[in-house]
């Protein structure tokens, strides 16, 4: 089951979305039909999700730095392979 998770401060602001294995009975977890992270930062009011004026933070990709390093290593390896091929052909 998929839920929008509300902040504990009573504001009704969605702080997260979660896909859980079972049903949860918690007033801070509102069941939603589909996984929709665009609800984060919206306000749950009168059974609907409305704009709250809050801009949610941009998610950070924790693997971004690793991907950049791997791409650099891959490019370096391609260059080394090309150099080895030239040396073998001599």
PDB file of N, CA and C in Angstrom:
ATOM      1  N   UNK A   1       0.838  -1.169   0.000  1.00  0.00           N
ATOM      2  CA  UNK A   1       0.000   0.000   0.000  1.00  0.00           C
ATOM      3  C   UNK A   1       0.893   1.244   0.000  1.00  0.00           C
ATOM      4  N   UNK A   2       0.420   2.268  -0.654  1.00  0.00           N
ATOM      5  CA  UNK A   2       1.222   3.473  -0.825  1.00  0.00           C
ATOM      6  C   UNK A   2       0.634   4.590   0.033  1.00  0.00           C
ATOM      7  N   UNK A   3       1.535   5.306   0.721  1.00  0.00           N
ATOM      8  CA  UNK A   3       1.095   6.348   1.646  1.00  0.00           C
ATOM      9  C   UNK A   3       1.866   7.646   1.458  1.00  0.00           C
ATOM     10  N   UNK A   4       1.149   8.757   1.653  1.00  0.00           N
ATOM     11  CA  UNK A   4       1.781  10.063   1.814  1.00  0.00           C
ATOM     12  C   UNK A   4       1.968  10.219   3.319  1.00  0.00           C
ATOM     13  N   UNK A   5       3.163  10.614   3.731  1.00  0.00           N
ATOM     14  CA  UNK A   5       3.480  10.721   5.160  1.00  0.00           C
ATOM     15  C   UNK A   5       3.486  12.190   5.546  1.00  0.00           C
ATOM     16  N   UNK A   6       2.655  12.536   6.518  1.00  0.00           N
ATOM     17  CA  UNK A   6       2.527  13.927   6.954  1.00  0.00           C
ATOM     18  C   UNK A   6       3.486  14.235   8.098  1.00  0.00           C
ATOM     19  N   UNK A   7       3.884  15.512   8.182  1.00  0.00           N
ATOM     20  CA  UNK A   7       4.714  15.963   9.304  1.00  0.00           C
ATOM     21  C   UNK A   7       3.947  15.810  10.611  1.00  0.00           C
ATOM     22  N   UNK A   8       4.671  15.617  11.704  1.00  0.00           N
ATOM     23  CA  UNK A   8       4.068  15.439  13.020  1.00  0.00           C
ATOM     24  C   UNK A   8       3.587  16.743  13.639  1.00  0.00           C
ATOM     25  N   UNK A   9       3.924  17.895  13.039  1.00  0.00           N
ATOM     26  CA  UNK A   9       3.600  19.182  13.649  1.00  0.00           C
ATOM     27  C   UNK A   9       2.156  19.622  13.460  1.00  0.00           C
ATOM     28  N   UNK A  10       1.338  18.796  12.808  1.00  0.00           N
ATOM     29  CA  UNK A  10      -0.067  19.135  12.619  1.00  0.00           C
ATOM     30  C   UNK A  10      -0.336  20.063  11.444  1.00  0.00           C
ATOM     31  N   UNK A  11       0.682  20.365  10.662  1.00  0.00           N
ATOM     32  CA  UNK A  11       0.530  21.284   9.539  1.00  0.00           C
ATOM     33  C   UNK A  11      -0.164  20.642   8.339  1.00  0.00           C
ATOM     34  N   UNK A  12      -0.157  19.311   8.281  1.00  0.00           N
ATOM     35  CA  UNK A  12      -0.735  18.613   7.141  1.00  0.00           C
ATOM     36  C   UNK A  12       0.192  18.545   5.941  1.00  0.00           C
ATOM     37  N   UNK A  13       1.433  19.005   6.113  1.00  0.00           N
ATOM     38  CA  UNK A  13       2.408  19.016   5.021  1.00  0.00           C
ATOM     39  C   UNK A  13       2.970  17.604   4.819  1.00  0.00           C
ATOM     40  N   UNK A  14       3.025  17.179   3.552  1.00  0.00           N
ATOM     41  CA  UNK A  14       3.567  15.868   3.216  1.00  0.00           C
ATOM     42  C   UNK A  14       5.092  15.944   3.269  1.00  0.00           C
ATOM     43  N   UNK A  15       5.683  15.051   4.073  1.00  0.00           N
ATOM     44  CA  UNK A  15       7.145  15.033   4.183  1.00  0.00           C
ATOM     45  C   UNK A  15       7.769  13.869   3.429  1.00  0.00           C
ATOM     46  N   UNK A  16       6.943  12.937   2.959  1.00  0.00           N
ATOM     47  CA  UNK A  16       7.475  11.803   2.221  1.00  0.00           C
ATOM     48  C   UNK A  16       6.379  10.937   1.652  1.00  0.00           C
ATOM     49  N   UNK A  17       6.777  10.013   0.790  1.00  0.00           N
ATOM     50  CA  UNK A  17       5.860   9.048   0.190  1.00  0.00           C
ATOM     51  C   UNK A  17       6.510   7.683   0.340  1.00  0.00           C
ATOM     52  N   UNK A  18       5.705   6.684   0.705  1.00  0.00           N
ATOM     53  CA  UNK A  18       6.278   5.369   0.957  1.00  0.00           C
ATOM     54  C   UNK A  18       5.373   4.267   0.402  1.00  0.00           C
ATOM     55  N   UNK A  19       6.007   3.227  -0.122  1.00  0.00           N
ATOM     56  CA  UNK A  19       5.303   2.049  -0.606  1.00  0.00           C
ATOM     57  C   UNK A  19       5.576   0.932   0.395  1.00  0.00           C
ATOM     58  N   UNK A  20       4.563   0.550   1.143  1.00  0.00           N
ATOM     59  CA  UNK A  20       4.731  -0.422   2.224  1.00  0.00           C
ATOM     60  C   UNK A  20       4.062  -1.749   1.887  1.00  0.00           C
ATOM     61  N   UNK A  21       4.513  -2.800   2.536  1.00  0.00           N
ATOM     62  CA  UNK A  21       4.006  -4.140   2.268  1.00  0.00           C
ATOM     63  C   UNK A  21       2.582  -4.348   2.795  1.00  0.00           C
ATOM     64  N   UNK A  22       2.205  -3.619   3.818  1.00  0.00           N
ATOM     65  CA  UNK A  22       0.892  -3.840   4.410  1.00  0.00           C
ATOM     66  C   UNK A  22       0.170  -2.548   4.748  1.00  0.00           C
ATOM     67  N   UNK A  23      -0.992  -2.721   5.304  1.00  0.00           N
ATOM     68  CA  UNK A  23      -1.829  -1.581   5.678  1.00  0.00           C
ATOM     69  C   UNK A  23      -1.319  -0.946   6.967  1.00  0.00           C
ATOM     70  N   UNK A  24      -1.388   0.381   7.033  1.00  0.00           N
ATOM     71  CA  UNK A  24      -0.955   1.116   8.217  1.00  0.00           C
ATOM     72  C   UNK A  24      -2.139   1.925   8.733  1.00  0.00           C
ATOM     73  N   UNK A  25      -2.336   1.889  10.024  1.00  0.00           N
ATOM     74  CA  UNK A  25      -3.414   2.665  10.637  1.00  0.00           C
ATOM     75  C   UNK A  25      -2.785   3.790  11.449  1.00  0.00           C
ATOM     76  N   UNK A  26      -2.531   4.924  10.785  1.00  0.00           N
ATOM     77  CA  UNK A  26      -1.884   6.063  11.416  1.00  0.00           C
ATOM     78  C   UNK A  26      -2.440   7.322  10.767  1.00  0.00           C
ATOM     79  N   UNK A  27      -2.931   8.271  11.554  1.00  0.00           N
ATOM     80  CA  UNK A  27      -3.506   9.486  10.963  1.00  0.00           C
ATOM     81  C   UNK A  27      -2.493  10.334  10.185  1.00  0.00           C
ATOM     82  N   UNK A  28      -1.200  10.098  10.405  1.00  0.00           N
ATOM     83  CA  UNK A  28      -0.183  10.841   9.672  1.00  0.00           C
ATOM     84  C   UNK A  28       0.212  10.162   8.356  1.00  0.00           C
ATOM     85  N   UNK A  29      -0.419   9.019   8.065  1.00  0.00           N
ATOM     86  CA  UNK A  29      -0.133   8.309   6.823  1.00  0.00           C
ATOM     87  C   UNK A  29      -1.426   8.192   6.027  1.00  0.00           C
ATOM     88  N   UNK A  30      -1.452   8.899   4.907  1.00  0.00           N
ATOM     89  CA  UNK A  30      -2.642   8.973   4.071  1.00  0.00           C
ATOM     90  C   UNK A  30      -2.453   8.043   2.875  1.00  0.00           C
ATOM     91  N   UNK A  31      -3.352   7.075   2.741  1.00  0.00           N
ATOM     92  CA  UNK A  31      -3.244   6.146   1.610  1.00  0.00           C
ATOM     93  C   UNK A  31      -3.488   6.898   0.300  1.00  0.00           C
ATOM     94  N   UNK A  32      -2.637   6.619  -0.687  1.00  0.00           N
ATOM     95  CA  UNK A  32      -2.768   7.222  -2.014  1.00  0.00           C
ATOM     96  C   UNK A  32      -2.756   6.108  -3.059  1.00  0.00           C
ATOM     97  N   UNK A  33      -3.365   6.342  -4.228  1.00  0.00           N
ATOM     98  CA  UNK A  33      -3.489   5.264  -5.215  1.00  0.00           C
ATOM     99  C   UNK A  33      -2.191   4.892  -5.942  1.00  0.00           C
ATOM    100  N   UNK A  34      -1.308   5.873  -6.149  1.00  0.00           N
ATOM    101  CA  UNK A  34      -0.051   5.612  -6.863  1.00  0.00           C
ATOM    102  C   UNK A  34       1.095   6.313  -6.151  1.00  0.00           C
ATOM    103  N   UNK A  35       2.300   5.789  -6.347  1.00  0.00           N
ATOM    104  CA  UNK A  35       3.497   6.403  -5.770  1.00  0.00           C
ATOM    105  C   UNK A  35       3.737   7.730  -6.483  1.00  0.00           C
ATOM    106  N   UNK A  36       3.613   8.832  -5.753  1.00  0.00           N
ATOM    107  CA  UNK A  36       3.708  10.163  -6.362  1.00  0.00           C
ATOM    108  C   UNK A  36       4.541  11.095  -5.481  1.00  0.00           C
ATOM    109  N   UNK A  37       5.880  11.131  -5.707  1.00  0.00           N
ATOM    110  CA  UNK A  37       6.731  11.984  -4.888  1.00  0.00           C
ATOM    111  C   UNK A  37       6.468  13.479  -5.088  1.00  0.00           C
ATOM    112  N   UNK A  38       5.694  13.844  -6.115  1.00  0.00           N
ATOM    113  CA  UNK A  38       5.373  15.269  -6.305  1.00  0.00           C
ATOM    114  C   UNK A  38       4.446  15.784  -5.200  1.00  0.00           C
ATOM    115  N   UNK A  39       3.920  14.888  -4.386  1.00  0.00           N
ATOM    116  CA  UNK A  39       3.075  15.311  -3.258  1.00  0.00           C
ATOM    117  C   UNK A  39       3.902  15.908  -2.115  1.00  0.00           C
ATOM    118  N   UNK A  40       5.193  15.634  -2.098  1.00  0.00           N
ATOM    119  CA  UNK A  40       6.051  16.135  -1.025  1.00  0.00           C
ATOM    120  C   UNK A  40       6.041  17.660  -1.049  1.00  0.00           C
ATOM    121  N   UNK A  41       5.747  18.238   0.104  1.00  0.00           N
ATOM    122  CA  UNK A  41       5.659  19.690   0.227  1.00  0.00           C
ATOM    123  C   UNK A  41       4.236  20.208   0.104  1.00  0.00           C
ATOM    124  N   UNK A  42       3.312  19.368  -0.390  1.00  0.00           N
ATOM    125  CA  UNK A  42       1.911  19.790  -0.492  1.00  0.00           C
ATOM    126  C   UNK A  42       1.231  19.608   0.855  1.00  0.00           C
ATOM    127  N   UNK A  43       0.057  20.198   0.984  1.00  0.00           N
ATOM    128  CA  UNK A  43      -0.696  20.126   2.228  1.00  0.00           C
ATOM    129  C   UNK A  43      -1.924  19.252   2.030  1.00  0.00           C
ATOM    130  N   UNK A  44      -2.158  18.347   2.969  1.00  0.00           N
ATOM    131  CA  UNK A  44      -3.357  17.515   2.937  1.00  0.00           C
ATOM    132  C   UNK A  44      -4.445  18.259   3.692  1.00  0.00           C
ATOM    133  N   UNK A  45      -5.472  18.674   2.947  1.00  0.00           N
ATOM    134  CA  UNK A  45      -6.537  19.492   3.548  1.00  0.00           C
ATOM    135  C   UNK A  45      -7.874  19.049   2.968  1.00  0.00           C
ATOM    136  N   UNK A  46      -8.798  18.748   3.833  1.00  0.00           N
ATOM    137  CA  UNK A  46     -10.147  18.330   3.432  1.00  0.00           C
ATOM    138  C   UNK A  46     -10.118  17.157   2.449  1.00  0.00           C
ATOM    139  N   UNK A  47      -9.201  16.199   2.677  1.00  0.00           N
ATOM    140  CA  UNK A  47      -9.122  15.008   1.855  1.00  0.00           C
ATOM    141  C   UNK A  47      -8.411  15.193   0.527  1.00  0.00           C
ATOM    142  N   UNK A  48      -7.846  16.385   0.302  1.00  0.00           N
ATOM    143  CA  UNK A  48      -7.145  16.657  -0.956  1.00  0.00           C
ATOM    144  C   UNK A  48      -5.736  17.143  -0.667  1.00  0.00           C
ATOM    145  N   UNK A  49      -4.866  17.045  -1.661  1.00  0.00           N
ATOM    146  CA  UNK A  49      -3.512  17.577  -1.556  1.00  0.00           C
ATOM    147  C   UNK A  49      -3.470  18.886  -2.323  1.00  0.00           C
ATOM    148  N   UNK A  50      -3.155  19.965  -1.611  1.00  0.00           N
ATOM    149  CA  UNK A  50      -3.149  21.299  -2.210  1.00  0.00           C
ATOM    150  C   UNK A  50      -1.774  21.944  -2.063  1.00  0.00           C
ATOM    151  N   UNK A  51      -1.523  22.932  -2.909  1.00  0.00           N
ATOM    152  CA  UNK A  51      -0.252  23.647  -2.844  1.00  0.00           C
ATOM    153  C   UNK A  51      -0.124  24.333  -1.493  1.00  0.00           C
ATOM    154  N   UNK A  52       1.052  24.215  -0.904  1.00  0.00           N
ATOM    155  CA  UNK A  52       1.288  24.825   0.410  1.00  0.00           C
ATOM    156  C   UNK A  52       2.220  26.020   0.326  1.00  0.00           C
ATOM    157  N   UNK A  53       2.798  26.240  -0.851  1.00  0.00           N
ATOM    158  CA  UNK A  53       3.787  27.304  -0.991  1.00  0.00           C
ATOM    159  C   UNK A  53       5.190  26.857  -0.625  1.00  0.00           C
ATOM    160  N   UNK A  54       5.311  25.617  -0.153  1.00  0.00           N
ATOM    161  CA  UNK A  54       6.618  25.071   0.218  1.00  0.00           C
ATOM    162  C   UNK A  54       7.234  24.412  -1.009  1.00  0.00           C
ATOM    163  N   UNK A  55       8.476  24.752  -1.284  1.00  0.00           N
ATOM    164  CA  UNK A  55       9.206  24.120  -2.379  1.00  0.00           C
ATOM    165  C   UNK A  55      10.021  22.989  -1.775  1.00  0.00           C
ATOM    166  N   UNK A  56       9.719  21.745  -2.182  1.00  0.00           N
ATOM    167  CA  UNK A  56      10.467  20.627  -1.597  1.00  0.00           C
ATOM    168  C   UNK A  56      11.925  20.652  -2.052  1.00  0.00           C
ATOM    169  N   UNK A  57      12.819  20.115  -1.231  1.00  0.00           N
ATOM    170  CA  UNK A  57      14.236  20.084  -1.622  1.00  0.00           C
ATOM    171  C   UNK A  57      14.450  19.183  -2.834  1.00  0.00           C
ATOM    172  N   UNK A  58      15.421  19.546  -3.631  1.00  0.00           N
ATOM    173  CA  UNK A  58      15.780  18.718  -4.783  1.00  0.00           C
ATOM    174  C   UNK A  58      16.526  17.500  -4.262  1.00  0.00           C
ATOM    175  N   UNK A  59      16.074  16.299  -4.660  1.00  0.00           N
ATOM    176  CA  UNK A  59      16.772  15.112  -4.165  1.00  0.00           C
ATOM    177  C   UNK A  59      18.214  15.074  -4.656  1.00  0.00           C
ATOM    178  N   UNK A  60      19.085  14.629  -3.793  1.00  0.00           N
ATOM    179  CA  UNK A  60      20.503  14.527  -4.128  1.00  0.00           C
ATOM    180  C   UNK A  60      20.798  13.078  -4.486  1.00  0.00           C
ATOM    181  N   UNK A  61      21.489  12.885  -5.599  1.00  0.00           N
ATOM    182  CA  UNK A  61      21.872  11.541  -6.013  1.00  0.00           C
ATOM    183  C   UNK A  61      23.170  11.182  -5.304  1.00  0.00           C
ATOM    184  N   UNK A  62      23.124  10.275  -4.331  1.00  0.00           N
ATOM    185  CA  UNK A  62      24.330   9.943  -3.570  1.00  0.00           C
ATOM    186  C   UNK A  62      25.398   9.248  -4.420  1.00  0.00           C
ATOM    187  N   UNK A  63      25.017   8.746  -5.579  1.00  0.00           N
ATOM    188  CA  UNK A  63      25.977   8.040  -6.433  1.00  0.00           C
ATOM    189  C   UNK A  63      26.532   8.919  -7.547  1.00  0.00           C
ATOM    190  N   UNK A  64      26.138  10.171  -7.604  1.00  0.00           N
ATOM    191  CA  UNK A  64      26.555  11.056  -8.699  1.00  0.00           C
ATOM    192  C   UNK A  64      28.080  11.170  -8.778  1.00  0.00           C
ATOM    193  N   UNK A  65      28.739  11.386  -7.650  1.00  0.00           N
ATOM    194  CA  UNK A  65      30.197  11.516  -7.648  1.00  0.00           C
ATOM    195  C   UNK A  65      30.869  10.227  -8.121  1.00  0.00           C
ATOM    196  N   UNK A  66      30.331   9.108  -7.706  1.00  0.00           N
ATOM    197  CA  UNK A  66      30.897   7.821  -8.107  1.00  0.00           C
ATOM    198  C   UNK A  66      30.736   7.628  -9.610  1.00  0.00           C
ATOM    199  N   UNK A  67      29.574   8.010 -10.157  1.00  0.00           N
ATOM    200  CA  UNK A  67      29.354   7.876 -11.601  1.00  0.00           C
ATOM    201  C   UNK A  67      30.349   8.728 -12.382  1.00  0.00           C
ATOM    202  N   UNK A  68      30.608   9.938 -11.915  1.00  0.00           N
ATOM    203  CA  UNK A  68      31.571  10.814 -12.587  1.00  0.00           C
ATOM    204  C   UNK A  68      32.956  10.165 -12.580  1.00  0.00           C
ATOM    205  N   UNK A  69      33.362   9.634 -11.432  1.00  0.00           N
ATOM    206  CA  UNK A  69      34.669   8.984 -11.327  1.00  0.00           C
ATOM    207  C   UNK A  69      34.756   7.750 -12.216  1.00  0.00           C
ATOM    208  N   UNK A  70      33.689   6.954 -12.262  1.00  0.00           N
ATOM    209  CA  UNK A  70      33.686   5.764 -13.107  1.00  0.00           C
ATOM    210  C   UNK A  70      33.755   6.134 -14.590  1.00  0.00           C
ATOM    211  N   UNK A  71      33.065   7.189 -14.984  1.00  0.00           N
ATOM    212  CA  UNK A  71      33.137   7.646 -16.373  1.00  0.00           C
ATOM    213  C   UNK A  71      34.554   8.083 -16.729  1.00  0.00           C
ATOM    214  N   UNK A  72      35.233   8.758 -15.806  1.00  0.00           N
ATOM    215  CA  UNK A  72      36.621   9.186 -16.025  1.00  0.00           C
ATOM    216  C   UNK A  72      37.534   7.973 -16.157  1.00  0.00           C
ATOM    217  N   UNK A  73      37.351   6.993 -15.273  1.00  0.00           N
ATOM    218  CA  UNK A  73      38.159   5.773 -15.336  1.00  0.00           C
ATOM    219  C   UNK A  73      37.915   5.048 -16.656  1.00  0.00           C
ATOM    220  N   UNK A  74      36.665   4.976 -17.079  1.00  0.00           N
ATOM    221  CA  UNK A  74      36.326   4.323 -18.339  1.00  0.00           C
ATOM    222  C   UNK A  74      36.998   5.030 -19.515  1.00  0.00           C
ATOM    223  N   UNK A  75      36.964   6.363 -19.511  1.00  0.00           N
ATOM    224  CA  UNK A  75      37.611   7.134 -20.586  1.00  0.00           C
ATOM    225  C   UNK A  75      39.125   6.904 -20.572  1.00  0.00           C
ATOM    226  N   UNK A  76      39.736   6.885 -19.383  1.00  0.00           N
ATOM    227  CA  UNK A  76      41.174   6.639 -19.267  1.00  0.00           C
ATOM    228  C   UNK A  76      41.524   5.236 -19.769  1.00  0.00           C
ATOM    229  N   UNK A  77      40.701   4.255 -19.430  1.00  0.00           N
ATOM    230  CA  UNK A  77      40.938   2.874 -19.857  1.00  0.00           C
ATOM    231  C   UNK A  77      40.852   2.760 -21.376  1.00  0.00           C
ATOM    232  N   UNK A  78      39.896   3.418 -21.968  1.00  0.00           N
ATOM    233  CA  UNK A  78      39.763   3.413 -23.433  1.00  0.00           C
ATOM    234  C   UNK A  78      41.014   3.997 -24.081  1.00  0.00           C
ATOM    235  N   UNK A  79      41.538   5.067 -23.489  1.00  0.00           N
ATOM    236  CA  UNK A  79      42.756   5.695 -24.010  1.00  0.00           C
ATOM    237  C   UNK A  79      43.958   4.757 -23.881  1.00  0.00           C
ATOM    238  N   UNK A  80      44.074   4.096 -22.749  1.00  0.00           N
ATOM    239  CA  UNK A  80      45.182   3.161 -22.536  1.00  0.00           C
ATOM    240  C   UNK A  80      45.089   1.995 -23.524  1.00  0.00           C
ATOM    241  N   UNK A  81      43.893   1.471 -23.739  1.00  0.00           N
ATOM    242  CA  UNK A  81      43.713   0.378 -24.697  1.00  0.00           C
ATOM    243  C   UNK A  81      44.136   0.814 -26.099  1.00  0.00           C
ATOM    244  N   UNK A  82      43.808   2.027 -26.476  1.00  0.00           N
ATOM    245  CA  UNK A  82      44.198   2.549 -27.793  1.00  0.00           C
ATOM    246  C   UNK A  82      45.720   2.645 -27.885  1.00  0.00           C
ATOM    247  N   UNK A  83      46.369   3.117 -26.806  1.00  0.00           N
ATOM    248  CA  UNK A  83      47.834   3.203 -26.792  1.00  0.00           C
ATOM    249  C   UNK A  83      48.473   1.809 -26.902  1.00  0.00           C
ATOM    250  N   UNK A  84      47.938   0.840 -26.195  1.00  0.00           N
ATOM    251  CA  UNK A  84      48.467  -0.532 -26.226  1.00  0.00           C
ATOM    252  C   UNK A  84      48.335  -1.098 -27.638  1.00  0.00           C
ATOM    253  N   UNK A  85      47.208  -0.845 -28.288  1.00  0.00           N
ATOM    254  CA  UNK A  85      46.998  -1.333 -29.648  1.00  0.00           C
ATOM    255  C   UNK A  85      48.055  -0.745 -30.589  1.00  0.00           C
ATOM    256  N   UNK A  86      48.354   0.550 -30.444  1.00  0.00           N
ATOM    257  CA  UNK A  86      49.367   1.207 -31.275  1.00  0.00           C
ATOM    258  C   UNK A  86      50.729   0.587 -31.038  1.00  0.00           C
ATOM    259  N   UNK A  87      51.057   0.325 -29.774  1.00  0.00           N
ATOM    260  CA  UNK A  87      52.364  -0.261 -29.432  1.00  0.00           C
ATOM    261  C   UNK A  87      52.468  -1.671 -30.018  1.00  0.00           C
ATOM    262  N   UNK A  88      51.414  -2.461 -29.935  1.00  0.00           N
ATOM    263  CA  UNK A  88      51.434  -3.835 -30.464  1.00  0.00           C
ATOM    264  C   UNK A  88      51.592  -3.829 -31.974  1.00  0.00           C
ATOM    265  N   UNK A  89      51.045  -2.846 -32.629  1.00  0.00           N
ATOM    266  CA  UNK A  89      51.113  -2.791 -34.096  1.00  0.00           C
ATOM    267  C   UNK A  89      52.511  -2.397 -34.596  1.00  0.00           C
ATOM    268  N   UNK A  90      53.339  -1.859 -33.750  1.00  0.00           N
ATOM    269  CA  UNK A  90      54.695  -1.422 -34.154  1.00  0.00           C
ATOM    270  C   UNK A  90      55.629  -2.573 -34.252  1.00  0.00           C
TER     271      UNK A  90
END
